[in-house]
Amino acid sequence: MTDKTFADRIEALETRLTYQEETIETLNQAVTAQWKQIDTLTRQVAEFGERLRESEAARPGPANEPPPHY
């Protein structure tokens, strides 16, 4: 193998590594943003579930009343 070929291969690998590092960083930022959004949505769903349970508990239940058509 000549020095020129070896140097070309190393340069190609370095270039490739640079692009891979940029891609990894971009993907990491996307995953981090998605996790933040998932966390926010999970908290909202839990809050809505709690509100639903509270409203169902506060709502009066049927008191053995006949249906309206009687």
N, C-alpha and C. Protein backbone atom coordinates (compact mmCIF):
# COMPACT_ATOMS: atom_id res chain seq x y z
N MET A 1 0.85 -1.16 0.00
CA MET A 1 0.00 0.00 0.00
C MET A 1 0.90 1.24 0.00
N THR A 2 0.58 2.20 -0.79
CA THR A 2 1.40 3.40 -0.85
C THR A 2 0.93 4.40 0.21
N ASP A 3 1.81 5.35 0.48
CA ASP A 3 1.46 6.37 1.46
C ASP A 3 0.27 7.21 1.00
N LYS A 4 0.20 7.45 -0.30
CA LYS A 4 -0.90 8.24 -0.85
C LYS A 4 -2.24 7.52 -0.62
N THR A 5 -2.28 6.26 -0.91
CA THR A 5 -3.51 5.48 -0.72
C THR A 5 -3.87 5.41 0.75
N PHE A 6 -2.88 5.18 1.59
CA PHE A 6 -3.12 5.11 3.02
C PHE A 6 -3.63 6.45 3.55
N ALA A 7 -3.04 7.54 3.12
CA ALA A 7 -3.47 8.87 3.54
C ALA A 7 -4.88 9.16 3.04
N ASP A 8 -5.19 8.74 1.82
CA ASP A 8 -6.54 8.94 1.28
C ASP A 8 -7.56 8.17 2.09
N ARG A 9 -7.22 6.95 2.46
CA ARG A 9 -8.14 6.13 3.25
C ARG A 9 -8.37 6.74 4.62
N ILE A 10 -7.30 7.24 5.23
CA ILE A 10 -7.44 7.87 6.55
C ILE A 10 -8.30 9.12 6.44
N GLU A 11 -8.07 9.91 5.41
CA GLU A 11 -8.86 11.13 5.22
C GLU A 11 -10.33 10.78 5.00
N ALA A 12 -10.60 9.74 4.23
CA ALA A 12 -11.98 9.31 4.00
C ALA A 12 -12.63 8.85 5.30
N LEU A 13 -11.89 8.13 6.12
CA LEU A 13 -12.42 7.68 7.41
C LEU A 13 -12.69 8.85 8.34
N GLU A 14 -11.79 9.82 8.36
CA GLU A 14 -11.98 11.00 9.20
C GLU A 14 -13.21 11.79 8.77
N THR A 15 -13.39 11.92 7.47
CA THR A 15 -14.56 12.63 6.95
C THR A 15 -15.83 11.89 7.33
N ARG A 16 -15.80 10.60 7.17
CA ARG A 16 -16.95 9.77 7.52
C ARG A 16 -17.27 9.88 9.01
N LEU A 17 -16.25 9.86 9.83
CA LEU A 17 -16.42 9.96 11.28
C LEU A 17 -17.06 11.30 11.65
N THR A 18 -16.62 12.36 10.99
CA THR A 18 -17.18 13.68 11.26
C THR A 18 -18.67 13.70 10.97
N TYR A 19 -19.07 13.17 9.83
CA TYR A 19 -20.49 13.13 9.48
C TYR A 19 -21.27 12.23 10.44
N GLN A 20 -20.68 11.14 10.86
CA GLN A 20 -21.35 10.25 11.80
C GLN A 20 -21.54 10.93 13.15
N GLU A 21 -20.55 11.68 13.60
CA GLU A 21 -20.68 12.39 14.87
C GLU A 21 -21.79 13.44 14.79
N GLU A 22 -21.88 14.14 13.66
CA GLU A 22 -22.95 15.12 13.48
C GLU A 22 -24.31 14.44 13.48
N THR A 23 -24.40 13.31 12.81
CA THR A 23 -25.66 12.57 12.76
C THR A 23 -26.06 12.08 14.15
N ILE A 24 -25.11 11.56 14.88
CA ILE A 24 -25.39 11.08 16.24
C ILE A 24 -25.87 12.22 17.12
N GLU A 25 -25.24 13.37 17.02
CA GLU A 25 -25.66 14.52 17.82
C GLU A 25 -27.06 14.97 17.45
N THR A 26 -27.36 15.00 16.16
CA THR A 26 -28.70 15.37 15.71
C THR A 26 -29.75 14.39 16.22
N LEU A 27 -29.44 13.10 16.13
CA LEU A 27 -30.37 12.08 16.63
C LEU A 27 -30.54 12.18 18.14
N ASN A 28 -29.47 12.46 18.84
CA ASN A 28 -29.54 12.61 20.29
C ASN A 28 -30.45 13.78 20.67
N GLN A 29 -30.34 14.88 19.95
CA GLN A 29 -31.21 16.02 20.22
C GLN A 29 -32.67 15.68 19.94
N ALA A 30 -32.91 14.93 18.88
CA ALA A 30 -34.29 14.54 18.55
C ALA A 30 -34.86 13.62 19.62
N VAL A 31 -34.08 12.66 20.07
CA VAL A 31 -34.55 11.74 21.11
C VAL A 31 -34.81 12.48 22.41
N THR A 32 -33.92 13.40 22.76
CA THR A 32 -34.11 14.19 23.98
C THR A 32 -35.39 15.01 23.90
N ALA A 33 -35.64 15.64 22.77
CA ALA A 33 -36.87 16.42 22.60
C ALA A 33 -38.10 15.53 22.70
N GLN A 34 -38.02 14.35 22.11
CA GLN A 34 -39.16 13.43 22.17
C GLN A 34 -39.42 12.96 23.60
N TRP A 35 -38.37 12.68 24.35
CA TRP A 35 -38.57 12.25 25.73
C TRP A 35 -39.20 13.36 26.57
N LYS A 36 -38.79 14.61 26.32
CA LYS A 36 -39.41 15.72 27.04
C LYS A 36 -40.90 15.80 26.71
N GLN A 37 -41.22 15.64 25.43
CA GLN A 37 -42.62 15.69 25.02
C GLN A 37 -43.40 14.52 25.61
N ILE A 38 -42.83 13.34 25.60
CA ILE A 38 -43.49 12.17 26.19
C ILE A 38 -43.74 12.39 27.67
N ASP A 39 -42.76 12.96 28.36
CA ASP A 39 -42.91 13.23 29.79
C ASP A 39 -44.04 14.21 30.04
N THR A 40 -44.10 15.26 29.24
CA THR A 40 -45.17 16.25 29.38
C THR A 40 -46.53 15.62 29.11
N LEU A 41 -46.63 14.83 28.05
CA LEU A 41 -47.91 14.19 27.71
C LEU A 41 -48.33 13.17 28.77
N THR A 42 -47.37 12.46 29.33
CA THR A 42 -47.68 11.49 30.39
C THR A 42 -48.25 12.20 31.61
N ARG A 43 -47.65 13.33 31.97
CA ARG A 43 -48.18 14.09 33.10
C ARG A 43 -49.57 14.62 32.81
N GLN A 44 -49.81 15.08 31.59
CA GLN A 44 -51.13 15.59 31.23
C GLN A 44 -52.18 14.48 31.28
N VAL A 45 -51.85 13.31 30.79
CA VAL A 45 -52.80 12.19 30.82
C VAL A 45 -53.12 11.82 32.26
N ALA A 46 -52.11 11.80 33.12
CA ALA A 46 -52.34 11.49 34.54
C ALA A 46 -53.24 12.55 35.18
N GLU A 47 -53.00 13.80 34.84
CA GLU A 47 -53.82 14.88 35.39
C GLU A 47 -55.27 14.77 34.91
N PHE A 48 -55.45 14.49 33.61
CA PHE A 48 -56.81 14.33 33.08
C PHE A 48 -57.51 13.13 33.72
N GLY A 49 -56.77 12.05 33.94
CA GLY A 49 -57.35 10.89 34.60
C GLY A 49 -57.81 11.22 36.01
N GLU A 50 -56.99 11.98 36.72
CA GLU A 50 -57.35 12.38 38.08
C GLU A 50 -58.58 13.28 38.06
N ARG A 51 -58.64 14.21 37.13
CA ARG A 51 -59.82 15.08 37.01
C ARG A 51 -61.07 14.27 36.71
N LEU A 52 -60.93 13.29 35.84
CA LEU A 52 -62.08 12.44 35.50
C LEU A 52 -62.56 11.67 36.73
N ARG A 53 -61.62 11.10 37.48
CA ARG A 53 -62.01 10.37 38.69
C ARG A 53 -62.69 11.29 39.69
N GLU A 54 -62.18 12.51 39.83
CA GLU A 54 -62.79 13.46 40.76
C GLU A 54 -64.20 13.85 40.31
N SER A 55 -64.38 14.08 39.02
CA SER A 55 -65.71 14.47 38.53
C SER A 55 -66.69 13.32 38.65
N GLU A 56 -66.22 12.09 38.43
CA GLU A 56 -67.11 10.93 38.58
C GLU A 56 -67.48 10.72 40.04
N ALA A 57 -66.55 10.99 40.95
CA ALA A 57 -66.85 10.83 42.37
C ALA A 57 -67.80 11.92 42.85
N ALA A 58 -67.73 13.11 42.28
CA ALA A 58 -68.58 14.22 42.71
C ALA A 58 -69.98 14.13 42.10
N ARG A 59 -70.11 13.39 41.02
CA ARG A 59 -71.39 13.28 40.34
C ARG A 59 -72.31 12.38 41.15
N PRO A 60 -73.54 12.82 41.37
CA PRO A 60 -74.47 11.96 42.11
C PRO A 60 -74.84 10.73 41.28
N GLY A 61 -74.89 9.61 41.92
CA GLY A 61 -75.24 8.37 41.25
C GLY A 61 -76.75 8.19 41.18
N PRO A 62 -77.19 7.18 40.49
CA PRO A 62 -78.63 6.93 40.44
C PRO A 62 -79.14 6.55 41.82
N ALA A 63 -80.25 7.13 42.20
CA ALA A 63 -80.82 6.89 43.54
C ALA A 63 -82.08 6.04 43.44
N ASN A 64 -81.98 4.96 42.73
CA ASN A 64 -83.12 4.05 42.55
C ASN A 64 -84.36 4.79 42.07
N GLU A 65 -84.17 5.72 41.20
CA GLU A 65 -85.30 6.45 40.63
C GLU A 65 -85.77 5.70 39.39
N PRO A 66 -87.06 5.73 39.15
CA PRO A 66 -87.54 5.08 37.94
C PRO A 66 -87.08 5.87 36.72
N PRO A 67 -86.95 5.22 35.62
CA PRO A 67 -86.56 5.93 34.40
C PRO A 67 -87.58 7.00 34.06
N PRO A 68 -87.18 8.01 33.31
CA PRO A 68 -88.09 9.15 33.02
C PRO A 68 -89.37 8.75 32.27
N HIS A 69 -89.41 7.63 31.62
CA HIS A 69 -90.63 7.30 30.86
C HIS A 69 -91.73 6.70 31.73
N TYR A 70 -91.51 6.51 33.04
CA TYR A 70 -92.57 5.99 33.92
C TYR A 70 -93.43 7.08 34.43
